Amino acid sequence: MSNAMSLVNVIAKAAADKKASRLVVQDLRNKSDICDYQVVCSASSDRQTQAICNSIQEMAKSQLGERAIAVEGKQTGHWILMDYSSVVVHVFLEEIRDYYALEELWPDAKVVNVDA
């Protein structure tokens, strides 16, 4: 399993532990110059988006020694973007996720099944 895929699995588990909904992982290799995998999930409140973000940061660091290069939007909690270089994570409030529909930017991207 690649390092990126190991990170994806840890991120998915951390998000699921905080009851993230609509968790989707897209394989963007050979489709995007930004990252290899995109993880998108939703939450029902800003507190929950922040809890999901904290859980991802803690588990990625403790289990894999990985730290995000950047984390944006954590203060408001409406749309938190976490950049782990090969993996980009988006934690959205439900209505904001529906508005931006990021998964639709790559409609032909393979959806990856993860053990969350």
N, C-alpha and C. Protein backbone atom coordinates (compact mmCIF):
# COMPACT_ATOMS: atom_id res chain seq x y z
N MET A 1 0.84 -1.18 0.00
CA MET A 1 0.00 0.00 0.00
C MET A 1 0.89 1.25 0.00
N SER A 2 0.57 2.21 -0.83
CA SER A 2 1.37 3.43 -0.92
C SER A 2 1.21 4.28 0.34
N ASN A 3 2.17 5.17 0.55
CA ASN A 3 2.08 6.09 1.69
C ASN A 3 0.82 6.93 1.60
N ALA A 4 0.49 7.39 0.38
CA ALA A 4 -0.72 8.20 0.20
C ALA A 4 -1.96 7.40 0.56
N MET A 5 -2.02 6.14 0.17
CA MET A 5 -3.19 5.32 0.48
C MET A 5 -3.28 5.04 1.98
N SER A 6 -2.13 4.85 2.63
CA SER A 6 -2.13 4.68 4.09
C SER A 6 -2.70 5.93 4.76
N LEU A 7 -2.29 7.09 4.26
CA LEU A 7 -2.79 8.35 4.81
C LEU A 7 -4.29 8.49 4.55
N VAL A 8 -4.74 8.13 3.38
CA VAL A 8 -6.17 8.19 3.06
C VAL A 8 -6.96 7.35 4.05
N ASN A 9 -6.49 6.14 4.33
CA ASN A 9 -7.19 5.26 5.27
C ASN A 9 -7.24 5.83 6.68
N VAL A 10 -6.15 6.42 7.13
CA VAL A 10 -6.12 7.04 8.46
C VAL A 10 -7.07 8.24 8.50
N ILE A 11 -7.06 9.05 7.45
CA ILE A 11 -7.95 10.22 7.37
C ILE A 11 -9.41 9.78 7.40
N ALA A 12 -9.74 8.77 6.61
CA ALA A 12 -11.12 8.28 6.57
C ALA A 12 -11.57 7.75 7.93
N LYS A 13 -10.70 7.01 8.59
CA LYS A 13 -11.02 6.48 9.92
C LYS A 13 -11.21 7.61 10.93
N ALA A 14 -10.32 8.60 10.89
CA ALA A 14 -10.41 9.73 11.82
C ALA A 14 -11.70 10.52 11.60
N ALA A 15 -12.08 10.70 10.34
CA ALA A 15 -13.31 11.42 10.02
C ALA A 15 -14.53 10.61 10.47
N ALA A 16 -14.50 9.32 10.20
CA ALA A 16 -15.62 8.46 10.60
C ALA A 16 -15.78 8.41 12.12
N ASP A 17 -14.67 8.45 12.84
CA ASP A 17 -14.71 8.44 14.31
C ASP A 17 -15.47 9.65 14.85
N LYS A 18 -15.49 10.73 14.10
CA LYS A 18 -16.20 11.95 14.52
C LYS A 18 -17.52 12.11 13.77
N LYS A 19 -18.01 10.99 13.24
CA LYS A 19 -19.33 10.92 12.59
C LYS A 19 -19.46 11.79 11.34
N ALA A 20 -18.38 11.90 10.57
CA ALA A 20 -18.46 12.60 9.29
C ALA A 20 -19.44 11.85 8.39
N SER A 21 -20.16 12.59 7.59
CA SER A 21 -21.11 11.96 6.67
C SER A 21 -20.66 12.14 5.23
N ARG A 22 -21.24 11.33 4.36
CA ARG A 22 -20.98 11.40 2.91
C ARG A 22 -19.49 11.43 2.58
N LEU A 23 -18.75 10.51 3.18
CA LEU A 23 -17.30 10.43 2.96
C LEU A 23 -17.02 9.85 1.59
N VAL A 24 -16.29 10.62 0.77
CA VAL A 24 -15.93 10.19 -0.58
C VAL A 24 -14.43 10.39 -0.76
N VAL A 25 -13.77 9.37 -1.31
CA VAL A 25 -12.36 9.47 -1.66
C VAL A 25 -12.25 9.30 -3.17
N GLN A 26 -11.63 10.29 -3.82
CA GLN A 26 -11.44 10.21 -5.27
C GLN A 26 -9.97 10.03 -5.59
N ASP A 27 -9.68 9.13 -6.50
CA ASP A 27 -8.33 8.91 -7.00
C ASP A 27 -8.10 9.89 -8.15
N LEU A 28 -7.25 10.88 -7.91
CA LEU A 28 -7.00 11.93 -8.90
C LEU A 28 -5.65 11.79 -9.57
N ARG A 29 -4.98 10.63 -9.37
CA ARG A 29 -3.71 10.41 -10.06
C ARG A 29 -3.95 10.50 -11.56
N ASN A 30 -3.06 11.15 -12.25
CA ASN A 30 -3.15 11.37 -13.70
C ASN A 30 -4.34 12.23 -14.12
N LYS A 31 -4.99 12.89 -13.16
CA LYS A 31 -6.11 13.79 -13.46
C LYS A 31 -5.88 15.19 -12.91
N SER A 32 -5.09 15.27 -11.84
CA SER A 32 -4.87 16.56 -11.18
C SER A 32 -3.39 16.72 -10.85
N ASP A 33 -2.90 17.93 -11.00
CA ASP A 33 -1.52 18.23 -10.59
C ASP A 33 -1.46 18.61 -9.11
N ILE A 34 -2.61 18.75 -8.48
CA ILE A 34 -2.66 19.22 -7.10
C ILE A 34 -2.38 18.11 -6.10
N CYS A 35 -2.99 16.94 -6.32
CA CYS A 35 -2.86 15.84 -5.36
C CYS A 35 -3.16 14.52 -6.05
N ASP A 36 -2.86 13.42 -5.34
CA ASP A 36 -3.17 12.09 -5.84
C ASP A 36 -4.58 11.64 -5.42
N TYR A 37 -4.97 12.05 -4.20
CA TYR A 37 -6.28 11.67 -3.68
C TYR A 37 -6.95 12.88 -3.06
N GLN A 38 -8.28 12.91 -3.22
CA GLN A 38 -9.09 13.96 -2.61
C GLN A 38 -10.09 13.27 -1.69
N VAL A 39 -10.14 13.71 -0.44
CA VAL A 39 -11.09 13.19 0.52
C VAL A 39 -12.10 14.30 0.81
N VAL A 40 -13.38 14.00 0.65
CA VAL A 40 -14.43 14.98 0.90
C VAL A 40 -15.41 14.37 1.89
N CYS A 41 -15.75 15.15 2.92
CA CYS A 41 -16.75 14.68 3.87
C CYS A 41 -17.56 15.87 4.38
N SER A 42 -18.65 15.56 5.05
CA SER A 42 -19.57 16.59 5.52
C SER A 42 -19.80 16.47 7.01
N ALA A 43 -20.29 17.60 7.56
CA ALA A 43 -20.66 17.65 8.96
C ALA A 43 -21.88 18.55 9.09
N SER A 44 -22.57 18.44 10.21
CA SER A 44 -23.81 19.20 10.39
C SER A 44 -23.61 20.51 11.14
N SER A 45 -22.41 20.74 11.69
CA SER A 45 -22.16 22.00 12.41
C SER A 45 -20.69 22.37 12.29
N ASP A 46 -20.40 23.65 12.56
CA ASP A 46 -19.00 24.08 12.52
C ASP A 46 -18.18 23.39 13.61
N ARG A 47 -18.78 23.13 14.73
CA ARG A 47 -18.05 22.40 15.79
C ARG A 47 -17.67 20.99 15.33
N GLN A 48 -18.56 20.36 14.59
CA GLN A 48 -18.25 19.02 14.10
C GLN A 48 -17.17 19.07 13.03
N THR A 49 -17.20 20.05 12.13
CA THR A 49 -16.12 20.14 11.12
C THR A 49 -14.78 20.32 11.82
N GLN A 50 -14.76 21.14 12.85
CA GLN A 50 -13.51 21.38 13.59
C GLN A 50 -13.07 20.12 14.33
N ALA A 51 -14.00 19.37 14.89
CA ALA A 51 -13.66 18.11 15.58
C ALA A 51 -13.11 17.09 14.58
N ILE A 52 -13.70 17.02 13.40
CA ILE A 52 -13.21 16.11 12.35
C ILE A 52 -11.79 16.51 11.97
N CYS A 53 -11.56 17.79 11.76
CA CYS A 53 -10.22 18.29 11.41
C CYS A 53 -9.21 17.94 12.50
N ASN A 54 -9.56 18.18 13.75
CA ASN A 54 -8.65 17.87 14.86
C ASN A 54 -8.34 16.37 14.91
N SER A 55 -9.35 15.55 14.71
CA SER A 55 -9.17 14.10 14.74
C SER A 55 -8.22 13.66 13.62
N ILE A 56 -8.42 14.21 12.43
CA ILE A 56 -7.54 13.87 11.30
C ILE A 56 -6.11 14.28 11.60
N GLN A 57 -5.92 15.50 12.11
CA GLN A 57 -4.57 15.97 12.42
C GLN A 57 -3.90 15.09 13.46
N GLU A 58 -4.62 14.73 14.52
CA GLU A 58 -4.05 13.92 15.60
C GLU A 58 -3.70 12.51 15.12
N MET A 59 -4.61 11.88 14.38
CA MET A 59 -4.35 10.50 13.95
C MET A 59 -3.26 10.43 12.88
N ALA A 60 -3.25 11.39 11.96
CA ALA A 60 -2.21 11.38 10.92
C ALA A 60 -0.83 11.55 11.56
N LYS A 61 -0.75 12.41 12.56
CA LYS A 61 0.53 12.64 13.24
C LYS A 61 0.92 11.43 14.09
N SER A 62 -0.01 10.92 14.90
CA SER A 62 0.34 9.83 15.82
C SER A 62 0.58 8.50 15.11
N GLN A 63 -0.17 8.22 14.04
CA GLN A 63 -0.04 6.92 13.38
C GLN A 63 0.97 6.90 12.25
N LEU A 64 1.13 8.04 11.57
CA LEU A 64 2.02 8.05 10.40
C LEU A 64 3.11 9.12 10.46
N GLY A 65 3.08 9.95 11.49
CA GLY A 65 4.06 11.04 11.57
C GLY A 65 3.83 12.12 10.53
N GLU A 66 2.62 12.19 9.99
CA GLU A 66 2.29 13.16 8.93
C GLU A 66 1.66 14.41 9.53
N ARG A 67 2.11 15.55 9.02
CA ARG A 67 1.51 16.84 9.38
C ARG A 67 1.03 17.52 8.10
N ALA A 68 -0.09 18.21 8.22
CA ALA A 68 -0.60 18.95 7.06
C ALA A 68 0.35 20.09 6.73
N ILE A 69 0.55 20.32 5.43
CA ILE A 69 1.35 21.45 4.98
C ILE A 69 0.61 22.74 5.30
N ALA A 70 -0.71 22.70 5.14
CA ALA A 70 -1.54 23.87 5.43
C ALA A 70 -2.94 23.40 5.82
N VAL A 71 -3.58 24.19 6.68
CA VAL A 71 -4.97 23.98 7.06
C VAL A 71 -5.65 25.34 6.96
N GLU A 72 -6.69 25.41 6.15
CA GLU A 72 -7.41 26.67 5.94
C GLU A 72 -8.87 26.50 6.34
N GLY A 73 -9.44 27.54 6.92
CA GLY A 73 -10.87 27.55 7.22
C GLY A 73 -11.27 26.95 8.55
N LYS A 74 -10.31 26.55 9.35
CA LYS A 74 -10.63 25.89 10.62
C LYS A 74 -11.34 26.84 11.59
N GLN A 75 -10.99 28.10 11.53
CA GLN A 75 -11.56 29.05 12.49
C GLN A 75 -13.07 29.18 12.33
N THR A 76 -13.54 29.29 11.09
CA THR A 76 -14.99 29.41 10.88
C THR A 76 -15.66 28.05 10.83
N GLY A 77 -14.95 27.05 10.30
CA GLY A 77 -15.47 25.69 10.26
C GLY A 77 -16.51 25.43 9.19
N HIS A 78 -16.68 26.34 8.24
CA HIS A 78 -17.66 26.12 7.17
C HIS A 78 -17.10 25.18 6.11
N TRP A 79 -15.85 25.41 5.72
CA TRP A 79 -15.15 24.57 4.74
C TRP A 79 -13.69 24.54 5.18
N ILE A 80 -13.27 23.41 5.69
CA ILE A 80 -11.88 23.27 6.13
C ILE A 80 -11.13 22.48 5.07
N LEU A 81 -10.03 23.07 4.60
CA LEU A 81 -9.18 22.42 3.61
C LEU A 81 -7.88 22.03 4.29
N MET A 82 -7.50 20.78 4.16
CA MET A 82 -6.27 20.26 4.77
C MET A 82 -5.38 19.72 3.65
N ASP A 83 -4.18 20.26 3.54
CA ASP A 83 -3.27 19.87 2.47
C ASP A 83 -2.16 18.98 3.03
N TYR A 84 -2.19 17.72 2.64
CA TYR A 84 -1.14 16.77 3.02
C TYR A 84 -0.30 16.41 1.80
N SER A 85 -0.18 17.33 0.85
CA SER A 85 0.59 17.17 -0.37
C SER A 85 -0.07 16.16 -1.31
N SER A 86 0.12 14.88 -1.10
CA SER A 86 -0.46 13.88 -2.00
C SER A 86 -1.95 13.65 -1.73
N VAL A 87 -2.42 14.10 -0.57
CA VAL A 87 -3.83 13.95 -0.19
C VAL A 87 -4.36 15.32 0.26
N VAL A 88 -5.47 15.73 -0.35
CA VAL A 88 -6.14 16.96 0.07
C VAL A 88 -7.49 16.57 0.66
N VAL A 89 -7.79 17.17 1.82
CA VAL A 89 -9.02 16.85 2.55
C VAL A 89 -9.91 18.09 2.59
N HIS A 90 -11.19 17.89 2.31
CA HIS A 90 -12.18 18.96 2.41
C HIS A 90 -13.23 18.50 3.42
N VAL A 91 -13.41 19.29 4.48
CA VAL A 91 -14.44 19.01 5.48
C VAL A 91 -15.45 20.16 5.38
N PHE A 92 -16.65 19.84 4.95
CA PHE A 92 -17.66 20.85 4.66
C PHE A 92 -18.86 20.79 5.59
N LEU A 93 -19.48 21.95 5.81
CA LEU A 93 -20.86 21.94 6.27
C LEU A 93 -21.70 21.44 5.09
N GLU A 94 -22.76 20.70 5.35
CA GLU A 94 -23.56 20.07 4.30
C GLU A 94 -23.94 21.03 3.16
N GLU A 95 -24.53 22.18 3.51
CA GLU A 95 -25.04 23.08 2.47
C GLU A 95 -23.93 23.70 1.63
N ILE A 96 -22.77 23.90 2.22
CA ILE A 96 -21.64 24.46 1.48
C ILE A 96 -21.07 23.40 0.54
N ARG A 97 -21.02 22.17 1.00
CA ARG A 97 -20.56 21.09 0.12
C ARG A 97 -21.47 20.95 -1.10
N ASP A 98 -22.76 21.00 -0.87
CA ASP A 98 -23.70 20.87 -1.98
C ASP A 98 -23.54 22.03 -2.96
N TYR A 99 -23.28 23.21 -2.46
CA TYR A 99 -23.12 24.38 -3.32
C TYR A 99 -21.90 24.26 -4.22
N TYR A 100 -20.74 23.88 -3.65
CA TYR A 100 -19.50 23.82 -4.43
C TYR A 100 -19.34 22.53 -5.23
N ALA A 101 -19.93 21.45 -4.78
CA ALA A 101 -19.93 20.17 -5.50
C ALA A 101 -18.56 19.80 -6.07
N LEU A 102 -17.55 19.80 -5.22
CA LEU A 102 -16.17 19.54 -5.66
C LEU A 102 -15.99 18.20 -6.36
N GLU A 103 -16.69 17.19 -5.90
CA GLU A 103 -16.52 15.87 -6.51
C GLU A 103 -16.86 15.88 -8.00
N GLU A 104 -17.71 16.81 -8.40
CA GLU A 104 -18.13 16.87 -9.80
C GLU A 104 -17.09 17.49 -10.72
N LEU A 105 -16.03 18.06 -10.14
CA LEU A 105 -14.96 18.62 -10.97
C LEU A 105 -14.23 17.52 -11.75
N TRP A 106 -14.21 16.32 -11.17
CA TRP A 106 -13.58 15.16 -11.81
C TRP A 106 -14.61 14.03 -11.88
N PRO A 107 -15.60 14.14 -12.75
CA PRO A 107 -16.66 13.13 -12.77
C PRO A 107 -16.17 11.74 -13.17
N ASP A 108 -15.04 11.67 -13.86
CA ASP A 108 -14.52 10.36 -14.28
C ASP A 108 -13.49 9.79 -13.30
N ALA A 109 -13.28 10.49 -12.18
CA ALA A 109 -12.31 10.00 -11.18
C ALA A 109 -12.87 8.75 -10.50
N LYS A 110 -11.97 7.80 -10.28
CA LYS A 110 -12.34 6.58 -9.60
C LYS A 110 -12.61 6.89 -8.12
N VAL A 111 -13.71 6.36 -7.61
CA VAL A 111 -14.03 6.50 -6.19
C VAL A 111 -13.38 5.32 -5.47
N VAL A 112 -12.59 5.62 -4.45
CA VAL A 112 -11.83 4.60 -3.73
C VAL A 112 -12.60 4.16 -2.50
N ASN A 113 -12.73 2.86 -2.31
CA ASN A 113 -13.34 2.33 -1.09
C ASN A 113 -12.29 2.30 0.01
N VAL A 114 -12.69 2.80 1.18
CA VAL A 114 -11.77 2.83 2.32
C VAL A 114 -12.41 2.13 3.51
N ASP A 115 -11.56 1.66 4.39
CA ASP A 115 -12.05 1.02 5.62
C ASP A 115 -12.15 2.09 6.70
N ALA A 116 -13.33 2.67 6.82
CA ALA A 116 -13.50 3.74 7.81
C ALA A 116 -14.30 3.26 9.00
